[in-house]
Amino acid sequence: MAVTRTFSIIKPDATRRNLTGKINAMLEDAGLRIVAQKRIHMTADQAGKFYEVHKERPFYQDLITFMTSGPVVVQVLEGEDAVKTNRDVMGATNPADAAEGTIRKAFAENIEANSVHGSDSDENAAIEIAFFFSGTEIVG
């Protein structure tokens, strides 16, 4: 496997409960390195553009409202097959379906407030990373 990068967001439900360090520890324990990280308060415009792929879905506006409800931590993670590794440690989108030992099983409040977002492909990881980070902000 090759060392690759992926994108991650620690969502408002998790930052509100001061879980950033615990989530980062789980990511690092899974073999991922945090090579860029910043805490931001996403604007409605940013969230709308970031989640534009879901624009026609019924939950789109609720998603924008939730993602702008408090600070988030955006991150670039690096490791062996980073997208898959991150998705494995995050767990299923619905925390009721998430495996023991995953972030969502441990910390998610519900399917929307599920504590983390992660890229679903290498291609989307590159797009999502570029949305929030310039190349000079990523230090490997």
N, C-alpha and C. Protein backbone atom coordinates (compact mmCIF):
# COMPACT_ATOMS: atom_id res chain seq x y z
N MET A 1 0.83 -1.19 0.00
CA MET A 1 0.00 0.00 0.00
C MET A 1 0.87 1.26 0.00
N ALA A 2 0.34 2.26 -0.61
CA ALA A 2 1.07 3.54 -0.68
C ALA A 2 0.59 4.48 0.42
N VAL A 3 1.48 5.37 0.81
CA VAL A 3 1.11 6.44 1.74
C VAL A 3 0.35 7.47 0.94
N THR A 4 -0.86 7.77 1.39
CA THR A 4 -1.73 8.73 0.71
C THR A 4 -2.29 9.70 1.75
N ARG A 5 -3.07 10.65 1.27
CA ARG A 5 -3.70 11.64 2.15
C ARG A 5 -5.21 11.59 2.02
N THR A 6 -5.87 11.97 3.09
CA THR A 6 -7.32 12.11 3.08
C THR A 6 -7.70 13.34 3.89
N PHE A 7 -8.96 13.68 3.80
CA PHE A 7 -9.48 14.86 4.47
C PHE A 7 -10.45 14.42 5.57
N SER A 8 -10.44 15.15 6.66
CA SER A 8 -11.29 14.84 7.81
C SER A 8 -11.84 16.13 8.41
N ILE A 9 -13.05 16.05 8.91
CA ILE A 9 -13.63 17.14 9.70
C ILE A 9 -14.09 16.56 11.03
N ILE A 10 -13.69 17.19 12.10
CA ILE A 10 -14.29 16.91 13.41
C ILE A 10 -15.44 17.91 13.52
N LYS A 11 -16.65 17.38 13.59
CA LYS A 11 -17.87 18.17 13.45
C LYS A 11 -18.25 18.94 14.73
N PRO A 12 -19.20 19.88 14.60
CA PRO A 12 -19.58 20.72 15.74
C PRO A 12 -20.04 19.97 16.99
N ASP A 13 -20.71 18.82 16.82
CA ASP A 13 -21.15 18.07 18.01
C ASP A 13 -19.95 17.60 18.82
N ALA A 14 -18.87 17.25 18.14
CA ALA A 14 -17.67 16.76 18.83
C ALA A 14 -16.85 17.90 19.41
N THR A 15 -16.71 19.01 18.68
CA THR A 15 -15.93 20.13 19.23
C THR A 15 -16.66 20.73 20.43
N ARG A 16 -17.99 20.75 20.38
CA ARG A 16 -18.78 21.27 21.49
C ARG A 16 -18.53 20.48 22.78
N ARG A 17 -18.29 19.17 22.61
CA ARG A 17 -18.06 18.29 23.76
C ARG A 17 -16.58 18.09 24.06
N ASN A 18 -15.73 18.91 23.42
CA ASN A 18 -14.30 18.89 23.69
C ASN A 18 -13.67 17.52 23.41
N LEU A 19 -14.03 16.93 22.27
CA LEU A 19 -13.56 15.58 21.92
C LEU A 19 -12.43 15.58 20.90
N THR A 20 -11.95 16.75 20.51
CA THR A 20 -10.93 16.83 19.46
C THR A 20 -9.72 15.97 19.79
N GLY A 21 -9.19 16.08 20.98
CA GLY A 21 -8.01 15.31 21.36
C GLY A 21 -8.26 13.81 21.35
N LYS A 22 -9.41 13.38 21.84
CA LYS A 22 -9.73 11.95 21.87
C LYS A 22 -9.87 11.40 20.45
N ILE A 23 -10.52 12.18 19.58
CA ILE A 23 -10.68 11.75 18.19
C ILE A 23 -9.32 11.72 17.50
N ASN A 24 -8.50 12.75 17.71
CA ASN A 24 -7.16 12.75 17.12
C ASN A 24 -6.35 11.55 17.59
N ALA A 25 -6.47 11.19 18.85
CA ALA A 25 -5.75 10.03 19.37
C ALA A 25 -6.19 8.76 18.65
N MET A 26 -7.48 8.62 18.39
CA MET A 26 -7.98 7.44 17.68
C MET A 26 -7.45 7.41 16.25
N LEU A 27 -7.40 8.57 15.60
CA LEU A 27 -6.87 8.65 14.24
C LEU A 27 -5.39 8.26 14.23
N GLU A 28 -4.64 8.80 15.18
CA GLU A 28 -3.20 8.50 15.25
C GLU A 28 -2.96 7.04 15.63
N ASP A 29 -3.76 6.51 16.53
CA ASP A 29 -3.63 5.10 16.91
C ASP A 29 -3.90 4.16 15.73
N ALA A 30 -4.69 4.64 14.77
CA ALA A 30 -5.00 3.84 13.57
C ALA A 30 -3.89 3.95 12.52
N GLY A 31 -2.85 4.73 12.82
CA GLY A 31 -1.72 4.84 11.91
C GLY A 31 -1.74 6.07 11.02
N LEU A 32 -2.66 6.99 11.27
CA LEU A 32 -2.73 8.22 10.47
C LEU A 32 -1.95 9.33 11.15
N ARG A 33 -1.27 10.15 10.36
CA ARG A 33 -0.56 11.33 10.85
C ARG A 33 -1.37 12.56 10.47
N ILE A 34 -1.49 13.50 11.38
CA ILE A 34 -2.16 14.76 11.09
C ILE A 34 -1.10 15.70 10.53
N VAL A 35 -1.19 15.98 9.21
CA VAL A 35 -0.17 16.81 8.56
C VAL A 35 -0.66 18.24 8.32
N ALA A 36 -1.93 18.49 8.60
CA ALA A 36 -2.48 19.85 8.59
C ALA A 36 -3.75 19.83 9.42
N GLN A 37 -3.97 20.93 10.16
CA GLN A 37 -5.14 20.98 11.03
C GLN A 37 -5.44 22.44 11.37
N LYS A 38 -6.72 22.80 11.33
CA LYS A 38 -7.12 24.12 11.83
C LYS A 38 -8.56 24.08 12.29
N ARG A 39 -8.81 24.89 13.30
CA ARG A 39 -10.15 25.02 13.86
C ARG A 39 -10.77 26.25 13.21
N ILE A 40 -11.94 26.06 12.62
CA ILE A 40 -12.63 27.15 11.93
C ILE A 40 -14.10 27.14 12.30
N HIS A 41 -14.75 28.25 12.06
CA HIS A 41 -16.21 28.28 12.13
C HIS A 41 -16.68 28.46 10.69
N MET A 42 -17.16 27.38 10.11
CA MET A 42 -17.57 27.37 8.72
C MET A 42 -18.72 28.35 8.49
N THR A 43 -18.64 29.11 7.42
CA THR A 43 -19.74 29.99 7.05
C THR A 43 -20.79 29.18 6.29
N ALA A 44 -21.98 29.73 6.17
CA ALA A 44 -23.04 29.06 5.41
C ALA A 44 -22.61 28.90 3.95
N ASP A 45 -21.90 29.90 3.41
CA ASP A 45 -21.43 29.82 2.04
C ASP A 45 -20.41 28.69 1.88
N GLN A 46 -19.46 28.59 2.81
CA GLN A 46 -18.47 27.51 2.75
C GLN A 46 -19.15 26.15 2.83
N ALA A 47 -20.03 25.99 3.81
CA ALA A 47 -20.71 24.70 4.00
C ALA A 47 -21.55 24.36 2.77
N GLY A 48 -22.23 25.36 2.22
CA GLY A 48 -23.06 25.13 1.04
C GLY A 48 -22.24 24.65 -0.14
N LYS A 49 -21.09 25.26 -0.35
CA LYS A 49 -20.22 24.85 -1.46
C LYS A 49 -19.58 23.49 -1.19
N PHE A 50 -19.15 23.27 0.04
CA PHE A 50 -18.50 22.01 0.38
C PHE A 50 -19.46 20.82 0.19
N TYR A 51 -20.71 21.00 0.62
CA TYR A 51 -21.69 19.92 0.56
C TYR A 51 -22.61 20.04 -0.66
N GLU A 52 -22.18 20.77 -1.68
CA GLU A 52 -23.00 21.01 -2.87
C GLU A 52 -23.47 19.73 -3.53
N VAL A 53 -22.70 18.68 -3.42
CA VAL A 53 -23.07 17.39 -4.00
C VAL A 53 -24.41 16.89 -3.45
N HIS A 54 -24.78 17.36 -2.25
CA HIS A 54 -26.04 16.94 -1.62
C HIS A 54 -27.17 17.95 -1.80
N LYS A 55 -26.96 18.95 -2.65
CA LYS A 55 -27.89 20.08 -2.76
C LYS A 55 -29.35 19.64 -3.01
N GLU A 56 -29.56 18.61 -3.75
CA GLU A 56 -30.92 18.16 -4.08
C GLU A 56 -31.50 17.19 -3.04
N ARG A 57 -30.71 16.84 -2.05
CA ARG A 57 -31.17 15.89 -1.03
C ARG A 57 -32.00 16.61 0.02
N PRO A 58 -32.97 15.95 0.62
CA PRO A 58 -33.85 16.62 1.60
C PRO A 58 -33.13 17.10 2.85
N PHE A 59 -31.99 16.52 3.18
CA PHE A 59 -31.28 16.90 4.41
C PHE A 59 -30.27 18.03 4.19
N TYR A 60 -30.13 18.53 2.97
CA TYR A 60 -29.09 19.51 2.64
C TYR A 60 -29.12 20.73 3.55
N GLN A 61 -30.25 21.38 3.70
CA GLN A 61 -30.30 22.60 4.51
C GLN A 61 -30.03 22.31 5.98
N ASP A 62 -30.54 21.20 6.48
CA ASP A 62 -30.25 20.82 7.87
C ASP A 62 -28.75 20.56 8.05
N LEU A 63 -28.11 19.98 7.05
CA LEU A 63 -26.67 19.73 7.10
C LEU A 63 -25.90 21.05 7.18
N ILE A 64 -26.29 22.02 6.37
CA ILE A 64 -25.63 23.33 6.38
C ILE A 64 -25.82 23.98 7.75
N THR A 65 -27.02 23.95 8.26
CA THR A 65 -27.31 24.53 9.57
C THR A 65 -26.46 23.87 10.65
N PHE A 66 -26.39 22.55 10.63
CA PHE A 66 -25.60 21.83 11.62
C PHE A 66 -24.12 22.16 11.51
N MET A 67 -23.58 22.12 10.30
CA MET A 67 -22.14 22.32 10.12
C MET A 67 -21.69 23.75 10.43
N THR A 68 -22.62 24.67 10.49
CA THR A 68 -22.30 26.06 10.83
C THR A 68 -22.71 26.40 12.26
N SER A 69 -23.15 25.41 13.02
CA SER A 69 -23.67 25.64 14.37
C SER A 69 -22.57 25.85 15.42
N GLY A 70 -21.34 25.58 15.05
CA GLY A 70 -20.22 25.73 15.97
C GLY A 70 -18.94 25.46 15.24
N PRO A 71 -17.81 25.58 15.93
CA PRO A 71 -16.53 25.34 15.27
C PRO A 71 -16.35 23.89 14.85
N VAL A 72 -15.54 23.71 13.82
CA VAL A 72 -15.14 22.39 13.35
C VAL A 72 -13.62 22.39 13.27
N VAL A 73 -13.04 21.19 13.21
CA VAL A 73 -11.61 21.05 12.99
C VAL A 73 -11.43 20.34 11.66
N VAL A 74 -10.82 21.05 10.70
CA VAL A 74 -10.54 20.46 9.39
C VAL A 74 -9.11 19.96 9.41
N GLN A 75 -8.89 18.80 8.78
CA GLN A 75 -7.59 18.14 8.88
C GLN A 75 -7.20 17.45 7.58
N VAL A 76 -5.91 17.35 7.37
CA VAL A 76 -5.36 16.48 6.35
C VAL A 76 -4.65 15.35 7.09
N LEU A 77 -5.01 14.14 6.76
CA LEU A 77 -4.44 12.95 7.38
C LEU A 77 -3.60 12.20 6.35
N GLU A 78 -2.51 11.62 6.80
CA GLU A 78 -1.61 10.90 5.91
C GLU A 78 -1.31 9.53 6.50
N GLY A 79 -1.28 8.53 5.64
CA GLY A 79 -0.95 7.19 6.09
C GLY A 79 -1.15 6.17 4.98
N GLU A 80 -0.90 4.92 5.30
CA GLU A 80 -1.12 3.84 4.35
C GLU A 80 -2.60 3.79 3.99
N ASP A 81 -2.90 3.90 2.69
CA ASP A 81 -4.30 3.85 2.21
C ASP A 81 -5.20 4.70 3.11
N ALA A 82 -4.86 5.99 3.21
CA ALA A 82 -5.45 6.90 4.20
C ALA A 82 -6.98 6.98 4.14
N VAL A 83 -7.56 6.99 2.94
CA VAL A 83 -9.02 7.09 2.84
C VAL A 83 -9.67 5.89 3.54
N LYS A 84 -9.22 4.69 3.18
CA LYS A 84 -9.80 3.49 3.78
C LYS A 84 -9.53 3.42 5.28
N THR A 85 -8.31 3.72 5.67
CA THR A 85 -7.96 3.68 7.09
C THR A 85 -8.84 4.63 7.89
N ASN A 86 -9.01 5.86 7.39
CA ASN A 86 -9.85 6.83 8.09
C ASN A 86 -11.30 6.37 8.13
N ARG A 87 -11.81 5.85 7.03
CA ARG A 87 -13.21 5.40 7.01
C ARG A 87 -13.42 4.22 7.98
N ASP A 88 -12.42 3.36 8.07
CA ASP A 88 -12.52 2.24 9.01
C ASP A 88 -12.57 2.73 10.46
N VAL A 89 -11.73 3.68 10.81
CA VAL A 89 -11.70 4.17 12.19
C VAL A 89 -12.90 5.07 12.49
N MET A 90 -13.47 5.73 11.47
CA MET A 90 -14.68 6.54 11.69
C MET A 90 -15.87 5.65 12.03
N GLY A 91 -16.04 4.57 11.30
CA GLY A 91 -17.20 3.70 11.47
C GLY A 91 -18.34 4.11 10.56
N ALA A 92 -19.41 3.34 10.58
CA ALA A 92 -20.57 3.58 9.72
C ALA A 92 -21.17 4.95 10.00
N THR A 93 -21.74 5.57 8.93
CA THR A 93 -22.37 6.89 9.05
C THR A 93 -23.41 6.90 10.16
N ASN A 94 -24.23 5.87 10.20
CA ASN A 94 -25.23 5.74 11.27
C ASN A 94 -24.54 5.09 12.47
N PRO A 95 -24.41 5.82 13.57
CA PRO A 95 -23.69 5.25 14.72
C PRO A 95 -24.30 3.96 15.25
N ALA A 96 -25.59 3.74 15.00
CA ALA A 96 -26.22 2.50 15.44
C ALA A 96 -25.62 1.30 14.70
N ASP A 97 -25.08 1.55 13.50
CA ASP A 97 -24.48 0.49 12.70
C ASP A 97 -22.96 0.44 12.83
N ALA A 98 -22.37 1.37 13.56
CA ALA A 98 -20.92 1.47 13.66
C ALA A 98 -20.36 0.38 14.57
N ALA A 99 -19.19 -0.12 14.20
CA ALA A 99 -18.53 -1.17 14.97
C ALA A 99 -17.93 -0.61 16.26
N GLU A 100 -17.83 -1.47 17.25
CA GLU A 100 -17.15 -1.10 18.50
C GLU A 100 -15.74 -0.64 18.18
N GLY A 101 -15.26 0.34 18.92
CA GLY A 101 -13.91 0.84 18.73
C GLY A 101 -13.77 1.91 17.67
N THR A 102 -14.89 2.27 17.02
CA THR A 102 -14.83 3.33 16.01
C THR A 102 -15.24 4.67 16.64
N ILE A 103 -14.85 5.74 15.96
CA ILE A 103 -15.16 7.09 16.46
C ILE A 103 -16.66 7.29 16.59
N ARG A 104 -17.41 6.91 15.57
CA ARG A 104 -18.85 7.15 15.61
C ARG A 104 -19.55 6.30 16.67
N LYS A 105 -19.09 5.10 16.89
CA LYS A 105 -19.67 4.27 17.96
C LYS A 105 -19.41 4.91 19.31
N ALA A 106 -18.20 5.44 19.48
CA ALA A 106 -17.80 6.01 20.77
C ALA A 106 -18.43 7.38 21.03
N PHE A 107 -18.57 8.22 19.98
CA PHE A 107 -18.88 9.63 20.24
C PHE A 107 -20.11 10.20 19.53
N ALA A 108 -20.60 9.58 18.47
CA ALA A 108 -21.71 10.16 17.72
C ALA A 108 -22.98 10.24 18.56
N GLU A 109 -23.71 11.32 18.34
CA GLU A 109 -25.00 11.49 19.02
C GLU A 109 -26.14 10.89 18.21
N ASN A 110 -26.05 11.00 16.89
CA ASN A 110 -27.06 10.45 15.98
C ASN A 110 -26.49 10.45 14.57
N ILE A 111 -27.30 10.12 13.58
CA ILE A 111 -26.80 9.99 12.20
C ILE A 111 -26.31 11.32 11.64
N GLU A 112 -26.88 12.44 12.07
CA GLU A 112 -26.41 13.75 11.61
C GLU A 112 -25.23 14.23 12.45
N ALA A 113 -25.40 14.21 13.75
CA ALA A 113 -24.34 14.63 14.67
C ALA A 113 -23.45 13.42 14.96
N ASN A 114 -22.74 12.99 13.90
CA ASN A 114 -21.96 11.76 14.01
C ASN A 114 -20.46 12.02 14.16
N SER A 115 -20.13 13.21 14.62
CA SER A 115 -18.79 13.60 15.10
C SER A 115 -17.71 13.82 14.06
N VAL A 116 -17.72 13.09 12.94
CA VAL A 116 -16.64 13.23 11.96
C VAL A 116 -17.15 13.08 10.53
N HIS A 117 -16.40 13.70 9.63
CA HIS A 117 -16.58 13.51 8.18
C HIS A 117 -15.25 13.04 7.64
N GLY A 118 -15.27 12.17 6.65
CA GLY A 118 -14.05 11.76 5.98
C GLY A 118 -14.29 11.56 4.51
N SER A 119 -13.29 11.86 3.72
CA SER A 119 -13.39 11.68 2.27
C SER A 119 -13.71 10.23 1.94
N ASP A 120 -14.46 10.05 0.82
CA ASP A 120 -14.86 8.70 0.43
C ASP A 120 -14.03 8.12 -0.72
N SER A 121 -13.09 8.91 -1.25
CA SER A 121 -12.23 8.42 -2.32
C SER A 121 -10.97 9.30 -2.37
N ASP A 122 -9.93 8.79 -3.03
CA ASP A 122 -8.72 9.58 -3.19
C ASP A 122 -9.01 10.86 -3.98
N GLU A 123 -9.87 10.74 -4.99
CA GLU A 123 -10.21 11.90 -5.81
C GLU A 123 -10.92 12.96 -4.99
N ASN A 124 -11.91 12.56 -4.21
CA ASN A 124 -12.63 13.53 -3.36
C ASN A 124 -11.74 14.07 -2.26
N ALA A 125 -10.80 13.26 -1.77
CA ALA A 125 -9.87 13.74 -0.75
C ALA A 125 -9.07 14.92 -1.30
N ALA A 126 -8.57 14.79 -2.52
CA ALA A 126 -7.79 15.88 -3.12
C ALA A 126 -8.63 17.14 -3.26
N ILE A 127 -9.87 17.00 -3.68
CA ILE A 127 -10.77 18.15 -3.84
C ILE A 127 -11.07 18.78 -2.48
N GLU A 128 -11.38 17.96 -1.49
CA GLU A 128 -11.74 18.47 -0.16
C GLU A 128 -10.54 19.11 0.53
N ILE A 129 -9.37 18.53 0.38
CA ILE A 129 -8.16 19.13 0.97
C ILE A 129 -7.93 20.51 0.36
N ALA A 130 -8.01 20.61 -0.96
CA ALA A 130 -7.77 21.88 -1.64
C ALA A 130 -8.83 22.93 -1.29
N PHE A 131 -10.01 22.50 -0.89
CA PHE A 131 -11.08 23.43 -0.51
C PHE A 131 -10.69 24.22 0.74
N PHE A 132 -10.01 23.57 1.68
CA PHE A 132 -9.71 24.19 2.98
C PHE A 132 -8.23 24.53 3.20
N PHE A 133 -7.32 23.94 2.43
CA PHE A 133 -5.90 24.11 2.70
C PHE A 133 -5.13 24.49 1.45
N SER A 134 -4.16 25.39 1.63
CA SER A 134 -3.19 25.64 0.57
C SER A 134 -2.04 24.64 0.77
N GLY A 135 -1.27 24.44 -0.27
CA GLY A 135 -0.16 23.49 -0.18
C GLY A 135 0.84 23.81 0.92
N THR A 136 1.03 25.10 1.21
CA THR A 136 2.01 25.48 2.22
C THR A 136 1.54 25.19 3.64
N GLU A 137 0.25 24.92 3.81
CA GLU A 137 -0.28 24.61 5.15
C GLU A 137 -0.14 23.15 5.51
N ILE A 138 0.24 22.32 4.55
CA ILE A 138 0.37 20.88 4.78
C ILE A 138 1.84 20.56 4.98
N VAL A 139 2.16 20.07 6.16
CA VAL A 139 3.55 19.77 6.49
C VAL A 139 3.67 18.29 6.86
N GLY A 140 4.30 17.51 6.02
CA GLY A 140 4.34 16.08 6.22
C GLY A 140 5.51 15.56 6.93
